[in-house]
């Protein structure tokens, strides 16, 4: 069975681990509602993708509690 040839020094460990940091999330604005959304994902607020409605979004609890204005 193979064994490591040399001890990994502390500087080698740090240099290797320098790429383990979390990347910053890249957000873009939804074209319909202008809220932040992940790229290549449907908007979780309005359900649009590429300018078209693709997902039916349920209303939040706060929106359902508001009294409806009578017309």
C-alpha atoms as a PDB file:
ATOM      1  CA  UNK A   1       0.000   0.000   0.000  1.00  0.00           C
ATOM      2  CA  UNK A   2       1.340   3.443  -0.913  1.00  0.00           C
ATOM      3  CA  UNK A   3       2.393   5.909   1.747  1.00  0.00           C
ATOM      4  CA  UNK A   4       2.985   9.649   1.516  1.00  0.00           C
ATOM      5  CA  UNK A   5       6.572  10.329   0.517  1.00  0.00           C
ATOM      6  CA  UNK A   6       7.076  13.532   2.527  1.00  0.00           C
ATOM      7  CA  UNK A   7       5.468  15.357   5.380  1.00  0.00           C
ATOM      8  CA  UNK A   8       3.065  18.127   4.309  1.00  0.00           C
ATOM      9  CA  UNK A   9       4.417  21.336   5.831  1.00  0.00           C
ATOM     10  CA  UNK A  10       2.169  23.928   7.456  1.00  0.00           C
ATOM     11  CA  UNK A  11       2.747  26.356   4.584  1.00  0.00           C
ATOM     12  CA  UNK A  12       1.756  23.659   2.084  1.00  0.00           C
ATOM     13  CA  UNK A  13      -1.437  23.014   4.074  1.00  0.00           C
ATOM     14  CA  UNK A  14      -2.322  26.714   4.112  1.00  0.00           C
ATOM     15  CA  UNK A  15      -1.610  27.097   0.409  1.00  0.00           C
ATOM     16  CA  UNK A  16      -3.791  24.084  -0.393  1.00  0.00           C
ATOM     17  CA  UNK A  17      -6.596  25.242   1.911  1.00  0.00           C
ATOM     18  CA  UNK A  18      -6.626  28.775   0.469  1.00  0.00           C
ATOM     19  CA  UNK A  19      -9.212  27.644  -2.112  1.00  0.00           C
ATOM     20  CA  UNK A  20     -11.635  26.176   0.454  1.00  0.00           C
ATOM     21  CA  UNK A  21     -13.274  29.527   1.296  1.00  0.00           C
ATOM     22  CA  UNK A  22     -16.936  30.023   0.437  1.00  0.00           C
ATOM     23  CA  UNK A  23     -17.602  32.002  -2.717  1.00  0.00           C
ATOM     24  CA  UNK A  24     -19.742  35.145  -2.645  1.00  0.00           C
ATOM     25  CA  UNK A  25     -23.257  34.543  -4.005  1.00  0.00           C
ATOM     26  CA  UNK A  26     -23.774  36.270  -7.334  1.00  0.00           C
ATOM     27  CA  UNK A  27     -27.290  37.768  -7.432  1.00  0.00           C
ATOM     28  CA  UNK A  28     -29.032  39.497 -10.300  1.00  0.00           C
ATOM     29  CA  UNK A  29     -32.297  41.451 -10.442  1.00  0.00           C
ATOM     30  CA  UNK A  30     -35.538  39.861 -11.596  1.00  0.00           C
ATOM     31  CA  UNK A  31     -36.714  41.462 -14.837  1.00  0.00           C
ATOM     32  CA  UNK A  32     -40.341  41.583 -13.672  1.00  0.00           C
ATOM     33  CA  UNK A  33     -40.257  42.535  -9.970  1.00  0.00           C
ATOM     34  CA  UNK A  34     -36.631  43.778  -9.626  1.00  0.00           C
ATOM     35  CA  UNK A  35     -35.987  41.631  -6.526  1.00  0.00           C
ATOM     36  CA  UNK A  36     -32.663  39.767  -6.139  1.00  0.00           C
ATOM     37  CA  UNK A  37     -32.638  36.280  -7.641  1.00  0.00           C
ATOM     38  CA  UNK A  38     -30.000  33.639  -8.358  1.00  0.00           C
ATOM     39  CA  UNK A  39     -28.901  33.511 -11.990  1.00  0.00           C
ATOM     40  CA  UNK A  40     -30.552  30.790 -14.115  1.00  0.00           C
ATOM     41  CA  UNK A  41     -33.334  30.300 -11.522  1.00  0.00           C
ATOM     42  CA  UNK A  42     -37.008  31.255 -11.607  1.00  0.00           C
ATOM     43  CA  UNK A  43     -37.859  34.196  -9.355  1.00  0.00           C
ATOM     44  CA  UNK A  44     -39.234  32.895  -6.027  1.00  0.00           C
ATOM     45  CA  UNK A  45     -41.326  36.062  -5.555  1.00  0.00           C
ATOM     46  CA  UNK A  46     -43.176  36.363  -8.875  1.00  0.00           C
ATOM     47  CA  UNK A  47     -42.401  33.052 -10.636  1.00  0.00           C
ATOM     48  CA  UNK A  48     -40.969  34.484 -13.850  1.00  0.00           C
ATOM     49  CA  UNK A  49     -37.947  33.296 -15.811  1.00  0.00           C
ATOM     50  CA  UNK A  50     -36.708  34.961 -18.962  1.00  0.00           C
ATOM     51  CA  UNK A  51     -39.628  37.401 -18.935  1.00  0.00           C
ATOM     52  CA  UNK A  52     -42.253  34.614 -18.901  1.00  0.00           C
ATOM     53  CA  UNK A  53     -44.410  33.321 -16.040  1.00  0.00           C
ATOM     54  CA  UNK A  54     -43.210  29.743 -15.482  1.00  0.00           C
ATOM     55  CA  UNK A  55     -44.107  28.947 -11.851  1.00  0.00           C
ATOM     56  CA  UNK A  56     -47.289  29.638  -9.920  1.00  0.00           C
ATOM     57  CA  UNK A  57     -46.215  31.203  -6.618  1.00  0.00           C
ATOM     58  CA  UNK A  58     -48.308  30.801  -3.485  1.00  0.00           C
ATOM     59  CA  UNK A  59     -49.032  33.980  -1.577  1.00  0.00           C
ATOM     60  CA  UNK A  60     -47.277  34.362   1.763  1.00  0.00           C
ATOM     61  CA  UNK A  61     -49.177  34.283   5.058  1.00  0.00           C
ATOM     62  CA  UNK A  62     -48.796  38.052   5.463  1.00  0.00           C
ATOM     63  CA  UNK A  63     -50.358  38.686   2.040  1.00  0.00           C
ATOM     64  CA  UNK A  64     -53.322  36.414   2.826  1.00  0.00           C
ATOM     65  CA  UNK A  65     -54.079  38.223   6.096  1.00  0.00           C
ATOM     66  CA  UNK A  66     -54.476  41.637   4.446  1.00  0.00           C
ATOM     67  CA  UNK A  67     -58.131  42.527   3.902  1.00  0.00           C
ATOM     68  CA  UNK A  68     -59.141  42.631   0.248  1.00  0.00           C
ATOM     69  CA  UNK A  69     -60.198  46.049  -1.028  1.00  0.00           C
ATOM     70  CA  UNK A  70     -63.730  45.951  -2.451  1.00  0.00           C
ATOM     71  CA  UNK A  71     -64.141  47.336  -5.922  1.00  0.00           C
END
